[in-house]
C-alpha cells in the first residue's frame, strides 16, 4: 500500500516505530514497524488482536501484517483520539468512574479469550518493559 503521508508517533511503551499514515483517498491507518527478528511474536500479537477485535472491543482493528525488507509492517485501522493520561483529569469524577466501569467491561470481554500460548513468563516480560521504560525516562 502506498501512503501519501506518514507522521511519526513518539508515545507508547514499545520500541516499535509507529506512524499515522494516510493513503491517496485520505484514509488514515496506524502503521507499526518492528525488527524482522520479531516476526513470529508480531504475527501472534496480530492474530490475538484479531480475536479481541472480533469481540467488538473498540480498538484499532488489524488489517495486514507482512515482512518488508528487514522490517515487519503491521497495518491497523486508525481511531482518532487523545491519550487518556493527557485528558482524564479534564473530566468529572463521575465521568472518570463511568470510563473505568466501561474499561472493566472491555477487559472482561478480553479475558474470555483463552491464553493458549505464552511467549514468555508474564512477570518477566512486564518487568523487562518497566525496566526499559524507566531507563529511557531517566535523565542523569
Protein backbone atom coordinates (compact mmCIF):
# COMPACT_ATOMS: atom_id res chain seq x y z
CA UNK A 1 0.00 0.00 0.00
CA UNK A 2 1.31 3.44 -0.89
CA UNK A 3 0.88 6.30 1.54
CA UNK A 4 0.65 9.99 0.76
CA UNK A 5 1.75 10.97 4.27
CA UNK A 6 3.49 9.39 7.25
CA UNK A 7 3.60 11.08 10.67
CA UNK A 8 5.70 9.55 13.46
CA UNK A 9 4.02 8.73 16.77
CA UNK A 10 6.51 9.07 19.60
CA UNK A 11 4.43 7.78 22.51
CA UNK A 12 3.90 4.34 23.94
CA UNK A 13 5.94 1.67 25.63
CA UNK A 14 7.20 -0.42 22.76
CA UNK A 15 10.42 0.11 20.86
CA UNK A 16 8.49 -0.32 17.60
CA UNK A 17 8.31 2.62 15.22
CA UNK A 18 4.72 3.87 14.98
CA UNK A 19 3.09 6.09 12.39
CA UNK A 20 -0.19 7.63 11.38
CA UNK A 21 -0.22 7.04 7.63
CA UNK A 22 -2.67 8.34 5.04
CA UNK A 23 -3.44 6.78 1.68
CA UNK A 24 -4.35 8.54 -1.57
CA UNK A 25 -8.06 8.51 -0.55
CA UNK A 26 -7.21 10.40 2.65
CA UNK A 27 -7.95 7.30 4.74
CA UNK A 28 -5.81 7.17 7.90
CA UNK A 29 -4.19 4.00 9.26
CA UNK A 30 -1.93 3.04 12.15
CA UNK A 31 1.36 1.51 10.94
CA UNK A 32 3.63 -0.34 13.37
CA UNK A 33 7.16 -1.19 12.18
CA UNK A 34 9.21 -3.81 14.05
CA UNK A 35 12.53 -5.59 13.60
CA UNK A 36 12.29 -8.70 11.42
CA UNK A 37 13.52 -10.81 14.36
CA UNK A 38 10.15 -10.15 15.99
CA UNK A 39 8.15 -11.60 13.08
CA UNK A 40 6.81 -14.63 14.96
CA UNK A 41 5.80 -12.69 18.06
CA UNK A 42 4.26 -9.92 15.93
CA UNK A 43 2.22 -12.48 13.96
CA UNK A 44 0.99 -13.95 17.26
CA UNK A 45 0.16 -10.45 18.53
CA UNK A 46 -1.65 -9.66 15.26
CA UNK A 47 -3.73 -12.86 15.48
CA UNK A 48 -4.63 -12.15 19.11
CA UNK A 49 -5.67 -8.62 18.18
CA UNK A 50 -7.99 -10.10 15.56
CA UNK A 51 -9.58 -12.31 18.21
CA UNK A 52 -10.04 -9.34 20.53
CA UNK A 53 -11.50 -7.22 17.71
CA UNK A 54 -14.00 -9.99 16.89
CA UNK A 55 -15.47 -9.50 20.39
CA UNK A 56 -16.48 -5.94 19.50
CA UNK A 57 -13.77 -4.29 21.56
CA UNK A 58 -13.23 -0.67 20.45
CA UNK A 59 -9.69 -0.75 19.09
CA UNK A 60 -7.53 -0.23 16.02
CA UNK A 61 -8.54 -3.41 14.18
CA UNK A 62 -5.71 -5.29 12.47
CA UNK A 63 -5.71 -5.18 8.66
CA UNK A 64 -2.48 -6.76 7.43
CA UNK A 65 0.95 -7.89 8.51
CA UNK A 66 3.92 -8.51 6.23
CA UNK A 67 7.67 -8.67 6.08
CA UNK A 68 9.03 -5.70 4.10
CA UNK A 69 12.78 -5.88 3.58
CA UNK A 70 14.21 -6.12 7.10
CA UNK A 71 11.08 -4.96 8.92
CA UNK A 72 7.70 -6.28 9.98
CA UNK A 73 4.90 -3.94 8.91
CA UNK A 74 1.61 -4.24 10.76
CA UNK A 75 -1.27 -2.11 9.46
CA UNK A 76 -4.34 -1.29 11.56
CA UNK A 77 -7.45 0.86 11.37
CA UNK A 78 -6.96 4.36 12.72
CA UNK A 79 -9.01 5.73 15.63
CA UNK A 80 -8.86 9.47 16.31
CA UNK A 81 -8.49 10.37 19.95
CA UNK A 82 -6.23 11.52 22.75
CA UNK A 83 -4.13 9.66 25.29
CA UNK A 84 -6.13 9.20 28.49
CA UNK A 85 -3.20 10.39 30.60
CA UNK A 86 -3.43 13.77 28.84
CA UNK A 87 -7.18 14.20 29.19
CA UNK A 88 -8.64 12.13 32.05
CA UNK A 89 -8.35 14.92 34.62
CA UNK A 90 -10.44 17.23 32.42
CA UNK A 91 -13.49 15.02 33.11
CA UNK A 92 -15.62 14.99 36.25
CA UNK A 93 -15.04 12.25 38.82
CA UNK A 94 -18.37 10.71 37.81
CA UNK A 95 -17.31 10.58 34.15
CA UNK A 96 -13.92 9.13 35.11
CA UNK A 97 -15.72 6.45 37.12
CA UNK A 98 -18.01 5.70 34.16
CA UNK A 99 -14.98 5.32 31.88
CA UNK A 100 -13.40 2.99 34.44
CA UNK A 101 -16.52 0.81 34.52
CA UNK A 102 -16.56 0.70 30.69
CA UNK A 103 -12.87 -0.27 30.69
CA UNK A 104 -13.64 -3.07 33.14
CA UNK A 105 -16.38 -4.39 30.85
CA UNK A 106 -13.97 -4.36 27.92
CA UNK A 107 -11.34 -6.21 29.98
CA UNK A 108 -13.94 -8.83 30.92
CA UNK A 109 -14.52 -9.46 27.20
CA UNK A 110 -10.79 -9.70 26.52
CA UNK A 111 -10.35 -12.19 29.34
CA UNK A 112 -12.81 -14.59 27.69
CA UNK A 113 -10.06 -15.42 25.19
CA UNK A 114 -8.04 -18.38 26.47
CA UNK A 115 -4.34 -17.79 26.91
CA UNK A 116 -3.35 -20.76 24.76
CA UNK A 117 0.21 -19.68 24.16
CA UNK A 118 2.57 -17.59 26.18
CA UNK A 119 5.75 -16.24 24.61
CA UNK A 120 7.44 -15.87 27.99
CA UNK A 121 6.53 -15.64 31.65
CA UNK A 122 4.33 -12.55 32.08
CA UNK A 123 6.12 -11.30 35.20
CA UNK A 124 9.49 -11.42 33.44
CA UNK A 125 8.05 -9.78 30.31
CA UNK A 126 6.35 -6.96 32.22
CA UNK A 127 9.33 -6.28 34.48
CA UNK A 128 11.59 -6.00 31.43
CA UNK A 129 9.14 -3.48 29.92
CA UNK A 130 9.08 -1.46 33.14
CA UNK A 131 12.89 -1.52 33.49
CA UNK A 132 13.29 -0.39 29.87
CA UNK A 133 10.74 2.40 30.30
CA UNK A 134 12.41 3.65 33.49
CA UNK A 135 15.91 3.60 31.99
CA UNK A 136 14.71 5.51 28.91
CA UNK A 137 13.00 8.17 31.05
CA UNK A 138 15.88 8.79 33.46
CA UNK A 139 17.93 11.92 32.98
CA UNK A 140 21.37 11.84 34.56
